[in-house]
Amino acid sequence: MPRRNSLSVTLREIGRIERTLYTLEWLQSPELRRRIHIGLNYFLQILAIFQS
């Protein structure tokens, strides 16, 4: 298994922090959840059209 250098470890940790901060924002913001829900529904409708 290749040894990870400090840059790759650091970037991975930054990504984890960003994901955690986004999750906390999502949990605290009904408006963000609503916008994501609308976008997801739109995407699923488009997907259903192409799959039929």
Protein backbone atom coordinates (compact mmCIF):
# COMPACT_ATOMS: atom_id res chain seq x y z
CA MET A 1 0.00 0.00 0.00
CA PRO A 2 1.54 3.33 -1.00
CA ARG A 3 2.40 5.75 1.75
CA ARG A 4 0.24 8.88 1.76
CA ASN A 5 2.07 12.16 1.71
CA SER A 6 1.11 14.99 4.01
CA LEU A 7 -0.55 17.02 1.24
CA SER A 8 -2.99 14.26 0.31
CA VAL A 9 -3.82 13.64 3.98
CA THR A 10 -4.37 17.37 4.53
CA LEU A 11 -6.63 17.70 1.47
CA ARG A 12 -8.67 14.70 2.58
CA GLU A 13 -9.17 16.22 6.03
CA ILE A 14 -10.18 19.57 4.52
CA GLY A 15 -12.75 17.74 2.42
CA ARG A 16 -14.14 16.06 5.52
CA ILE A 17 -14.39 19.40 7.31
CA GLU A 18 -16.18 20.99 4.34
CA ARG A 19 -18.64 18.09 4.16
CA THR A 20 -19.33 18.37 7.88
CA LEU A 21 -19.90 22.14 7.67
CA TYR A 22 -22.26 21.69 4.72
CA THR A 23 -24.21 18.99 6.59
CA LEU A 24 -24.57 21.26 9.62
CA GLU A 25 -25.77 24.11 7.40
CA TRP A 26 -28.27 21.76 5.73
CA LEU A 27 -29.61 20.63 9.12
CA GLN A 28 -30.05 24.22 10.32
CA SER A 29 -31.57 25.72 7.16
CA PRO A 30 -35.11 24.82 6.10
CA GLU A 31 -34.66 27.04 3.02
CA LEU A 32 -31.57 25.10 1.90
CA ARG A 33 -33.38 21.79 2.40
CA ARG A 34 -36.34 23.10 0.40
CA ARG A 35 -34.14 24.22 -2.50
CA ILE A 36 -32.32 20.89 -2.56
CA HIS A 37 -35.63 19.02 -2.46
CA ILE A 38 -36.94 21.05 -5.42
CA GLY A 39 -33.75 20.39 -7.40
CA LEU A 40 -33.83 16.68 -6.63
CA ASN A 41 -37.47 16.40 -7.70
CA TYR A 42 -36.69 18.22 -10.95
CA PHE A 43 -33.77 15.88 -11.67
CA LEU A 44 -35.87 12.79 -10.92
CA GLN A 45 -38.62 14.00 -13.27
CA ILE A 46 -36.10 14.50 -16.09
CA LEU A 47 -34.60 11.08 -15.39
CA ALA A 48 -38.05 9.44 -15.49
CA ILE A 49 -38.76 11.04 -18.88
CA PHE A 50 -35.56 9.64 -20.37
CA GLN A 51 -36.08 6.19 -18.86
CA SER A 52 -39.62 5.79 -20.19
